[in-house]
PDB file of N, CA and C in Angstrom:
ATOM      1  N   MET A   1     104.966 -14.487 -15.724  1.00  0.00           N
ATOM      2  CA  MET A   1     104.046 -13.382 -15.881  1.00  0.00           C
ATOM      3  C   MET A   1     104.629 -12.365 -16.866  1.00  0.00           C
ATOM      4  N   ALA A   2     103.803 -11.819 -17.707  1.00  0.00           N
ATOM      5  CA  ALA A   2     104.246 -10.844 -18.708  1.00  0.00           C
ATOM      6  C   ALA A   2     104.553  -9.514 -18.050  1.00  0.00           C
ATOM      7  N   ASN A   3     105.468  -8.796 -18.664  1.00  0.00           N
ATOM      8  CA  ASN A   3     105.737  -7.431 -18.210  1.00  0.00           C
ATOM      9  C   ASN A   3     104.556  -6.560 -18.604  1.00  0.00           C
ATOM     10  N   SER A   4     104.253  -5.554 -17.789  1.00  0.00           N
ATOM     11  CA  SER A   4     103.062  -4.758 -18.072  1.00  0.00           C
ATOM     12  C   SER A   4     103.308  -3.639 -19.079  1.00  0.00           C
ATOM     13  N   ILE A   5     104.547  -3.196 -19.273  1.00  0.00           N
ATOM     14  CA  ILE A   5     104.820  -2.135 -20.232  1.00  0.00           C
ATOM     15  C   ILE A   5     105.171  -2.764 -21.581  1.00  0.00           C
ATOM     16  N   LYS A   6     104.433  -2.367 -22.596  1.00  0.00           N
ATOM     17  CA  LYS A   6     104.640  -2.880 -23.949  1.00  0.00           C
ATOM     18  C   LYS A   6     104.951  -1.708 -24.873  1.00  0.00           C
ATOM     19  N   LEU A   7     105.747  -1.967 -25.893  1.00  0.00           N
ATOM     20  CA  LEU A   7     105.998  -1.028 -26.967  1.00  0.00           C
ATOM     21  C   LEU A   7     105.194  -1.521 -28.168  1.00  0.00           C
ATOM     22  N   ILE A   8     104.340  -0.662 -28.713  1.00  0.00           N
ATOM     23  CA  ILE A   8     103.515  -1.033 -29.862  1.00  0.00           C
ATOM     24  C   ILE A   8     103.904  -0.170 -31.050  1.00  0.00           C
ATOM     25  N   TYR A   9     104.183  -0.832 -32.165  1.00  0.00           N
ATOM     26  CA  TYR A   9     104.328  -0.143 -33.434  1.00  0.00           C
ATOM     27  C   TYR A   9     103.213  -0.657 -34.327  1.00  0.00           C
ATOM     28  N   HIS A  10     102.434   0.254 -34.880  1.00  0.00           N
ATOM     29  CA  HIS A  10     101.384  -0.159 -35.807  1.00  0.00           C
ATOM     30  C   HIS A  10     101.435   0.733 -37.032  1.00  0.00           C
ATOM     31  N   LYS A  11     101.353   0.116 -38.176  1.00  0.00           N
ATOM     32  CA  LYS A  11     101.360   0.839 -39.441  1.00  0.00           C
ATOM     33  C   LYS A  11     100.022   0.592 -40.108  1.00  0.00           C
ATOM     34  N   THR A  12      99.165   1.603 -40.057  1.00  0.00           N
ATOM     35  CA  THR A  12      97.841   1.457 -40.646  1.00  0.00           C
ATOM     36  C   THR A  12      97.516   2.691 -41.480  1.00  0.00           C
ATOM     37  N   PRO A  13      96.639   2.525 -42.432  1.00  0.00           N
ATOM     38  CA  PRO A  13      96.169   3.698 -43.174  1.00  0.00           C
ATOM     39  C   PRO A  13      95.436   4.650 -42.215  1.00  0.00           C
ATOM     40  N   PRO A  14      95.451   5.952 -42.489  1.00  0.00           N
ATOM     41  CA  PRO A  14      94.774   6.907 -41.592  1.00  0.00           C
ATOM     42  C   PRO A  14      93.322   6.562 -41.311  1.00  0.00           C
ATOM     43  N   ALA A  15      92.623   5.952 -42.264  1.00  0.00           N
ATOM     44  CA  ALA A  15      91.220   5.587 -42.046  1.00  0.00           C
ATOM     45  C   ALA A  15      91.066   4.563 -40.929  1.00  0.00           C
ATOM     46  N   ASP A  16      92.074   3.727 -40.729  1.00  0.00           N
ATOM     47  CA  ASP A  16      92.002   2.680 -39.708  1.00  0.00           C
ATOM     48  C   ASP A  16      92.605   3.108 -38.381  1.00  0.00           C
ATOM     49  N   LEU A  17      93.235   4.272 -38.327  1.00  0.00           N
ATOM     50  CA  LEU A  17      93.922   4.695 -37.112  1.00  0.00           C
ATOM     51  C   LEU A  17      92.976   4.793 -35.920  1.00  0.00           C
ATOM     52  N   SER A  18      91.783   5.326 -36.101  1.00  0.00           N
ATOM     53  CA  SER A  18      90.859   5.455 -34.972  1.00  0.00           C
ATOM     54  C   SER A  18      90.415   4.087 -34.463  1.00  0.00           C
ATOM     55  N   LEU A  19      90.250   3.125 -35.353  1.00  0.00           N
ATOM     56  CA  LEU A  19      89.877   1.768 -34.948  1.00  0.00           C
ATOM     57  C   LEU A  19      90.999   1.118 -34.133  1.00  0.00           C
ATOM     58  N   VAL A  20      92.234   1.275 -34.591  1.00  0.00           N
ATOM     59  CA  VAL A  20      93.384   0.736 -33.862  1.00  0.00           C
ATOM     60  C   VAL A  20      93.468   1.378 -32.476  1.00  0.00           C
ATOM     61  N   MET A  21      93.366   2.698 -32.424  1.00  0.00           N
ATOM     62  CA  MET A  21      93.479   3.396 -31.147  1.00  0.00           C
ATOM     63  C   MET A  21      92.329   3.048 -30.206  1.00  0.00           C
ATOM     64  N   ASP A  22      91.128   2.890 -30.730  1.00  0.00           N
ATOM     65  CA  ASP A  22      89.995   2.482 -29.886  1.00  0.00           C
ATOM     66  C   ASP A  22      90.262   1.126 -29.246  1.00  0.00           C
ATOM     67  N   LYS A  23      90.786   0.183 -30.014  1.00  0.00           N
ATOM     68  CA  LYS A  23      91.064  -1.152 -29.484  1.00  0.00           C
ATOM     69  C   LYS A  23      92.180  -1.098 -28.441  1.00  0.00           C
ATOM     70  N   ILE A  24      93.202  -0.286 -28.689  1.00  0.00           N
ATOM     71  CA  ILE A  24      94.297  -0.147 -27.727  1.00  0.00           C
ATOM     72  C   ILE A  24      93.786   0.496 -26.443  1.00  0.00           C
ATOM     73  N   ARG A  25      92.988   1.546 -26.563  1.00  0.00           N
ATOM     74  CA  ARG A  25      92.428   2.208 -25.365  1.00  0.00           C
ATOM     75  C   ARG A  25      91.540   1.249 -24.563  1.00  0.00           C
ATOM     76  N   GLU A  26      90.793   0.421 -25.264  1.00  0.00           N
ATOM     77  CA  GLU A  26      89.912  -0.548 -24.611  1.00  0.00           C
ATOM     78  C   GLU A  26      90.709  -1.572 -23.803  1.00  0.00           C
ATOM     79  N   ALA A  27      91.844  -1.995 -24.323  1.00  0.00           N
ATOM     80  CA  ALA A  27      92.624  -3.073 -23.708  1.00  0.00           C
ATOM     81  C   ALA A  27      93.634  -2.596 -22.667  1.00  0.00           C
ATOM     82  N   CYS A  28      94.133  -1.372 -22.801  1.00  0.00           N
ATOM     83  CA  CYS A  28      95.263  -0.910 -21.987  1.00  0.00           C
ATOM     84  C   CYS A  28      94.817   0.086 -20.927  1.00  0.00           C
ATOM     85  N   SER A  29      95.457   0.019 -19.768  1.00  0.00           N
ATOM     86  CA  SER A  29      95.085   0.929 -18.683  1.00  0.00           C
ATOM     87  C   SER A  29      95.789   2.274 -18.772  1.00  0.00           C
ATOM     88  N   ALA A  30      96.860   2.384 -19.552  1.00  0.00           N
ATOM     89  CA  ALA A  30      97.556   3.658 -19.748  1.00  0.00           C
ATOM     90  C   ALA A  30      98.273   3.619 -21.090  1.00  0.00           C
ATOM     91  N   ILE A  31      98.332   4.777 -21.754  1.00  0.00           N
ATOM     92  CA  ILE A  31      98.966   4.884 -23.073  1.00  0.00           C
ATOM     93  C   ILE A  31      99.830   6.134 -23.099  1.00  0.00           C
ATOM     94  N   TYR A  32     101.036   5.985 -23.628  1.00  0.00           N
ATOM     95  CA  TYR A  32     101.906   7.133 -23.877  1.00  0.00           C
ATOM     96  C   TYR A  32     102.236   7.121 -25.361  1.00  0.00           C
ATOM     97  N   GLU A  33     101.835   8.172 -26.074  1.00  0.00           N
ATOM     98  CA  GLU A  33     102.067   8.246 -27.510  1.00  0.00           C
ATOM     99  C   GLU A  33     103.404   8.921 -27.797  1.00  0.00           C
ATOM    100  N   ILE A  34     104.330   8.147 -28.335  1.00  0.00           N
ATOM    101  CA  ILE A  34     105.614   8.694 -28.777  1.00  0.00           C
ATOM    102  C   ILE A  34     105.408   9.363 -30.134  1.00  0.00           C
ATOM    103  N   SER A  35     104.675   8.696 -31.015  1.00  0.00           N
ATOM    104  CA  SER A  35     104.233   9.230 -32.302  1.00  0.00           C
ATOM    105  C   SER A  35     102.915   8.513 -32.609  1.00  0.00           C
ATOM    106  N   PRO A  36     102.179   8.944 -33.642  1.00  0.00           N
ATOM    107  CA  PRO A  36     100.906   8.264 -33.923  1.00  0.00           C
ATOM    108  C   PRO A  36     101.036   6.756 -34.148  1.00  0.00           C
ATOM    109  N   GLU A  37     102.202   6.303 -34.574  1.00  0.00           N
ATOM    110  CA  GLU A  37     102.380   4.884 -34.868  1.00  0.00           C
ATOM    111  C   GLU A  37     103.195   4.139 -33.818  1.00  0.00           C
ATOM    112  N   LEU A  38     103.721   4.851 -32.828  1.00  0.00           N
ATOM    113  CA  LEU A  38     104.601   4.242 -31.825  1.00  0.00           C
ATOM    114  C   LEU A  38     104.116   4.622 -30.432  1.00  0.00           C
ATOM    115  N   LEU A  39     103.752   3.604 -29.649  1.00  0.00           N
ATOM    116  CA  LEU A  39     103.154   3.830 -28.337  1.00  0.00           C
ATOM    117  C   LEU A  39     103.825   2.986 -27.269  1.00  0.00           C
ATOM    118  N   LEU A  40     103.818   3.509 -26.055  1.00  0.00           N
ATOM    119  CA  LEU A  40     104.082   2.699 -24.868  1.00  0.00           C
ATOM    120  C   LEU A  40     102.736   2.521 -24.194  1.00  0.00           C
ATOM    121  N   VAL A  41     102.451   1.308 -23.752  1.00  0.00           N
ATOM    122  CA  VAL A  41     101.170   1.050 -23.097  1.00  0.00           C
ATOM    123  C   VAL A  41     101.389   0.221 -21.840  1.00  0.00           C
ATOM    124  N   LYS A  42     100.428   0.332 -20.943  1.00  0.00           N
ATOM    125  CA  LYS A  42     100.397  -0.560 -19.790  1.00  0.00           C
ATOM    126  C   LYS A  42      99.289  -1.573 -20.064  1.00  0.00           C
ATOM    127  N   TYR A  43      99.689  -2.835 -20.179  1.00  0.00           N
ATOM    128  CA  TYR A  43      98.774  -3.931 -20.476  1.00  0.00           C
ATOM    129  C   TYR A  43      99.236  -5.123 -19.665  1.00  0.00           C
ATOM    130  N   GLU A  44      98.375  -5.673 -18.864  1.00  0.00           N
ATOM    131  CA  GLU A  44      98.765  -6.725 -17.916  1.00  0.00           C
ATOM    132  C   GLU A  44      98.869  -8.120 -18.532  1.00  0.00           C
ATOM    133  N   GLY A  45      98.434  -8.294 -19.755  1.00  0.00           N
ATOM    134  CA  GLY A  45      98.476  -9.614 -20.381  1.00  0.00           C
ATOM    135  C   GLY A  45      99.717  -9.819 -21.233  1.00  0.00           C
ATOM    136  N   GLU A  46      99.676 -10.889 -22.007  1.00  0.00           N
ATOM    137  CA  GLU A  46     100.776 -11.248 -22.905  1.00  0.00           C
ATOM    138  C   GLU A  46     100.749 -10.385 -24.168  1.00  0.00           C
ATOM    139  N   ALA A  47     101.915 -10.141 -24.737  1.00  0.00           N
ATOM    140  CA  ALA A  47     102.019  -9.371 -25.976  1.00  0.00           C
ATOM    141  C   ALA A  47     101.199 -10.026 -27.088  1.00  0.00           C
ATOM    142  N   HIS A  48     101.223 -11.341 -27.171  1.00  0.00           N
ATOM    143  CA  HIS A  48     100.484 -12.064 -28.208  1.00  0.00           C
ATOM    144  C   HIS A  48      98.979 -11.820 -28.099  1.00  0.00           C
ATOM    145  N   THR A  49      98.449 -11.795 -26.881  1.00  0.00           N
ATOM    146  CA  THR A  49      97.018 -11.565 -26.670  1.00  0.00           C
ATOM    147  C   THR A  49      96.621 -10.174 -27.132  1.00  0.00           C
ATOM    148  N   LEU A  50      97.438  -9.190 -26.804  1.00  0.00           N
ATOM    149  CA  LEU A  50      97.161  -7.822 -27.237  1.00  0.00           C
ATOM    150  C   LEU A  50      97.263  -7.704 -28.756  1.00  0.00           C
ATOM    151  N   PHE A  51      98.269  -8.322 -29.340  1.00  0.00           N
ATOM    152  CA  PHE A  51      98.405  -8.326 -30.803  1.00  0.00           C
ATOM    153  C   PHE A  51      97.152  -8.903 -31.457  1.00  0.00           C
ATOM    154  N   THR A  52      96.685 -10.026 -30.958  1.00  0.00           N
ATOM    155  CA  THR A  52      95.516 -10.683 -31.531  1.00  0.00           C
ATOM    156  C   THR A  52      94.300  -9.765 -31.467  1.00  0.00           C
ATOM    157  N   ALA A  53      94.099  -9.115 -30.335  1.00  0.00           N
ATOM    158  CA  ALA A  53      92.946  -8.213 -30.187  1.00  0.00           C
ATOM    159  C   ALA A  53      93.016  -7.058 -31.177  1.00  0.00           C
ATOM    160  N   ILE A  54      94.191  -6.483 -31.347  1.00  0.00           N
ATOM    161  CA  ILE A  54      94.339  -5.342 -32.259  1.00  0.00           C
ATOM    162  C   ILE A  54      94.224  -5.786 -33.714  1.00  0.00           C
ATOM    163  N   SER A  55      94.925  -6.840 -34.082  1.00  0.00           N
ATOM    164  CA  SER A  55      94.933  -7.260 -35.489  1.00  0.00           C
ATOM    165  C   SER A  55      93.581  -7.831 -35.915  1.00  0.00           C
ATOM    166  N   GLU A  56      92.875  -8.521 -35.025  1.00  0.00           N
ATOM    167  CA  GLU A  56      91.553  -9.039 -35.375  1.00  0.00           C
ATOM    168  C   GLU A  56      90.550  -7.904 -35.550  1.00  0.00           C
ATOM    169  N   ALA A  57      90.671  -6.874 -34.734  1.00  0.00           N
ATOM    170  CA  ALA A  57      89.739  -5.748 -34.821  1.00  0.00           C
ATOM    171  C   ALA A  57      89.944  -4.944 -36.093  1.00  0.00           C
ATOM    172  N   THR A  58      91.166  -4.864 -36.562  1.00  0.00           N
ATOM    173  CA  THR A  58      91.470  -4.013 -37.701  1.00  0.00           C
ATOM    174  C   THR A  58      91.636  -4.772 -39.003  1.00  0.00           C
ATOM    175  N   GLY A  59      91.859  -6.074 -38.927  1.00  0.00           N
ATOM    176  CA  GLY A  59      92.151  -6.849 -40.115  1.00  0.00           C
ATOM    177  C   GLY A  59      93.562  -6.608 -40.630  1.00  0.00           C
ATOM    178  N   GLU A  60      94.357  -5.900 -39.853  1.00  0.00           N
ATOM    179  CA  GLU A  60      95.731  -5.579 -40.232  1.00  0.00           C
ATOM    180  C   GLU A  60      96.696  -6.539 -39.550  1.00  0.00           C
ATOM    181  N   ASN A  61      97.758  -6.880 -40.234  1.00  0.00           N
ATOM    182  CA  ASN A  61      98.821  -7.661 -39.615  1.00  0.00           C
ATOM    183  C   ASN A  61     100.070  -6.824 -39.426  1.00  0.00           C
ATOM    184  N   ALA A  62      99.966  -5.522 -39.633  1.00  0.00           N
ATOM    185  CA  ALA A  62     101.113  -4.625 -39.517  1.00  0.00           C
ATOM    186  C   ALA A  62     101.180  -4.047 -38.105  1.00  0.00           C
ATOM    187  N   VAL A  63     101.299  -4.946 -37.137  1.00  0.00           N
ATOM    188  CA  VAL A  63     101.375  -4.549 -35.732  1.00  0.00           C
ATOM    189  C   VAL A  63     102.521  -5.319 -35.092  1.00  0.00           C
ATOM    190  N   LEU A  64     103.364  -4.608 -34.336  1.00  0.00           N
ATOM    191  CA  LEU A  64     104.458  -5.229 -33.595  1.00  0.00           C
ATOM    192  C   LEU A  64     104.325  -4.816 -32.138  1.00  0.00           C
ATOM    193  N   ILE A  65     104.335  -5.788 -31.238  1.00  0.00           N
ATOM    194  CA  ILE A  65     104.241  -5.509 -29.805  1.00  0.00           C
ATOM    195  C   ILE A  65     105.416  -6.172 -29.116  1.00  0.00           C
ATOM    196  N   ILE A  66     106.131  -5.386 -28.310  1.00  0.00           N
ATOM    197  CA  ILE A  66     107.316  -5.877 -27.617  1.00  0.00           C
ATOM    198  C   ILE A  66     107.149  -5.665 -26.121  1.00  0.00           C
ATOM    199  N   ASP A  67     107.366  -6.728 -25.347  1.00  0.00           N
ATOM    200  CA  ASP A  67     107.415  -6.618 -23.885  1.00  0.00           C
ATOM    201  C   ASP A  67     108.696  -5.899 -23.495  1.00  0.00           C
ATOM    202  N   THR A  68     108.614  -5.006 -22.539  1.00  0.00           N
ATOM    203  CA  THR A  68     109.822  -4.359 -22.028  1.00  0.00           C
ATOM    204  C   THR A  68     110.187  -4.994 -20.696  1.00  0.00           C
ATOM    205  N   PRO A  69     111.439  -4.949 -20.313  1.00  0.00           N
ATOM    206  CA  PRO A  69     111.827  -5.462 -18.993  1.00  0.00           C
ATOM    207  C   PRO A  69     111.103  -4.680 -17.900  1.00  0.00           C
ATOM    208  N   SER A  70     110.819  -5.329 -16.788  1.00  0.00           N
ATOM    209  CA  SER A  70     110.095  -4.641 -15.717  1.00  0.00           C
ATOM    210  C   SER A  70     111.005  -4.184 -14.589  1.00  0.00           C
ATOM    211  N   THR A  71     112.266  -4.509 -14.651  1.00  0.00           N
ATOM    212  CA  THR A  71     113.191  -4.064 -13.613  1.00  0.00           C
ATOM    213  C   THR A  71     114.487  -3.593 -14.257  1.00  0.00           C
ATOM    214  N   GLY A  72     115.253  -2.862 -13.504  1.00  0.00           N
ATOM    215  CA  GLY A  72     116.539  -2.389 -13.997  1.00  0.00           C
ATOM    216  C   GLY A  72     116.415  -1.137 -14.839  1.00  0.00           C
ATOM    217  N   ASN A  73     117.522  -0.670 -15.314  1.00  0.00           N
ATOM    218  CA  ASN A  73     117.555   0.534 -16.141  1.00  0.00           C
ATOM    219  C   ASN A  73     117.512   0.139 -17.610  1.00  0.00           C
ATOM    220  N   PHE A  74     116.321  -0.190 -18.114  1.00  0.00           N
ATOM    221  CA  PHE A  74     116.194  -0.679 -19.472  1.00  0.00           C
ATOM    222  C   PHE A  74     116.060   0.437 -20.495  1.00  0.00           C
ATOM    223  N   TYR A  75     116.039   1.683 -20.070  1.00  0.00           N
ATOM    224  CA  TYR A  75     115.947   2.789 -21.015  1.00  0.00           C
ATOM    225  C   TYR A  75     117.004   3.833 -20.713  1.00  0.00           C
ATOM    226  N   TRP A  76     117.306   4.603 -21.730  1.00  0.00           N
ATOM    227  CA  TRP A  76     118.248   5.708 -21.584  1.00  0.00           C
ATOM    228  C   TRP A  76     118.016   6.649 -22.744  1.00  0.00           C
ATOM    229  N   GLY A  77     118.035   7.926 -22.505  1.00  0.00           N
ATOM    230  CA  GLY A  77     117.880   8.861 -23.605  1.00  0.00           C
ATOM    231  C   GLY A  77     117.423  10.221 -23.133  1.00  0.00           C
ATOM    232  N   LEU A  78     117.177  11.074 -24.065  1.00  0.00           N
ATOM    233  CA  LEU A  78     116.664  12.408 -23.813  1.00  0.00           C
ATOM    234  C   LEU A  78     115.322  12.531 -24.511  1.00  0.00           C
ATOM    235  N   MET A  79     114.281  12.638 -23.729  1.00  0.00           N
ATOM    236  CA  MET A  79     112.920  12.782 -24.251  1.00  0.00           C
ATOM    237  C   MET A  79     112.187  13.757 -23.346  1.00  0.00           C
ATOM    238  N   ASN A  80     110.964  14.036 -23.682  1.00  0.00           N
ATOM    239  CA  ASN A  80     110.115  14.887 -22.861  1.00  0.00           C
ATOM    240  C   ASN A  80     109.992  14.302 -21.457  1.00  0.00           C
ATOM    241  N   LYS A  81     110.031  15.159 -20.459  1.00  0.00           N
ATOM    242  CA  LYS A  81     109.933  14.719 -19.061  1.00  0.00           C
ATOM    243  C   LYS A  81     108.672  13.890 -18.810  1.00  0.00           C
ATOM    244  N   ASN A  82     107.620  14.160 -19.564  1.00  0.00           N
ATOM    245  CA  ASN A  82     106.376  13.404 -19.394  1.00  0.00           C
ATOM    246  C   ASN A  82     106.573  11.908 -19.619  1.00  0.00           C
ATOM    247  N   LEU A  83     107.480  11.549 -20.524  1.00  0.00           N
ATOM    248  CA  LEU A  83     107.747  10.128 -20.769  1.00  0.00           C
ATOM    249  C   LEU A  83     108.312   9.467 -19.526  1.00  0.00           C
ATOM    250  N   TRP A  84     109.295  10.071 -18.894  1.00  0.00           N
ATOM    251  CA  TRP A  84     109.922   9.477 -17.700  1.00  0.00           C
ATOM    252  C   TRP A  84     108.908   9.389 -16.561  1.00  0.00           C
ATOM    253  N   GLU A  85     108.060  10.403 -16.430  1.00  0.00           N
ATOM    254  CA  GLU A  85     107.017  10.370 -15.397  1.00  0.00           C
ATOM    255  C   GLU A  85     106.020   9.252 -15.688  1.00  0.00           C
ATOM    256  N   TRP A  86     105.636   9.094 -16.965  1.00  0.00           N
ATOM    257  CA  TRP A  86     104.696   8.045 -17.330  1.00  0.00           C
ATOM    258  C   TRP A  86     105.284   6.676 -17.007  1.00  0.00           C
ATOM    259  N   LEU A  87     106.548   6.461 -17.365  1.00  0.00           N
ATOM    260  CA  LEU A  87     107.198   5.185 -17.070  1.00  0.00           C
ATOM    261  C   LEU A  87     107.239   4.922 -15.578  1.00  0.00           C
ATOM    262  N   ASP A  88     107.568   5.934 -14.797  1.00  0.00           N
ATOM    263  CA  ASP A  88     107.638   5.757 -13.352  1.00  0.00           C
ATOM    264  C   ASP A  88     106.270   5.422 -12.762  1.00  0.00           C
ATOM    265  N   GLU A  89     105.228   6.059 -13.267  1.00  0.00           N
ATOM    266  CA  GLU A  89     103.870   5.817 -12.759  1.00  0.00           C
ATOM    267  C   GLU A  89     103.307   4.464 -13.171  1.00  0.00           C
ATOM    268  N   ASN A  90     103.719   3.951 -14.316  1.00  0.00           N
ATOM    269  CA  ASN A  90     103.066   2.770 -14.880  1.00  0.00           C
ATOM    270  C   ASN A  90     103.878   1.494 -14.838  1.00  0.00           C
ATOM    271  N   ASN A  91     105.085   1.540 -14.348  1.00  0.00           N
ATOM    272  CA  ASN A  91     105.916   0.336 -14.294  1.00  0.00           C
ATOM    273  C   ASN A  91     106.111  -0.086 -12.848  1.00  0.00           C
ATOM    274  N   GLU A  92     105.657  -1.271 -12.518  1.00  0.00           N
ATOM    275  CA  GLU A  92     105.777  -1.748 -11.140  1.00  0.00           C
ATOM    276  C   GLU A  92     107.216  -1.987 -10.720  1.00  0.00           C
ATOM    277  N   GLY A  93     108.137  -2.149 -11.667  1.00  0.00           N
ATOM    278  CA  GLY A  93     109.542  -2.367 -11.344  1.00  0.00           C
ATOM    279  C   GLY A  93     110.286  -1.108 -10.941  1.00  0.00           C
ATOM    280  N   LYS A  94     109.716   0.058 -11.205  1.00  0.00           N
ATOM    281  CA  LYS A  94     110.316   1.348 -10.876  1.00  0.00           C
ATOM    282  C   LYS A  94     111.794   1.401 -11.209  1.00  0.00           C
ATOM    283  N   MET A  95     112.083   1.936 -12.370  1.00  0.00           N
ATOM    284  CA  MET A  95     113.469   1.977 -12.841  1.00  0.00           C
ATOM    285  C   MET A  95     114.348   2.927 -12.047  1.00  0.00           C
ATOM    286  N   GLY A  96     113.811   4.000 -11.553  1.00  0.00           N
ATOM    287  CA  GLY A  96     114.593   4.943 -10.759  1.00  0.00           C
ATOM    288  C   GLY A  96     115.444   5.877 -11.557  1.00  0.00           C
TER     289      GLY A  96
END
């Protein structure tokens, strides 16, 4: 089974940004925007399936999706508290 938290990097022209975001919002149950081009999402399917949906909708191949581990302490850093809360709420593995 795929991990539900994915890291998405997409590089699109500003004109296509709304189309990319609409497709991501349609497919994902939760989104955390690190920057306009870098997102954490909760998506229950495979990374490849999500990539296909986004790239087919936009005609862009400049999309990278990475599955994150669902258990253990896979992250470390200093970021806005909202990020840690989002991860805790959206990851079934609960990193702690």
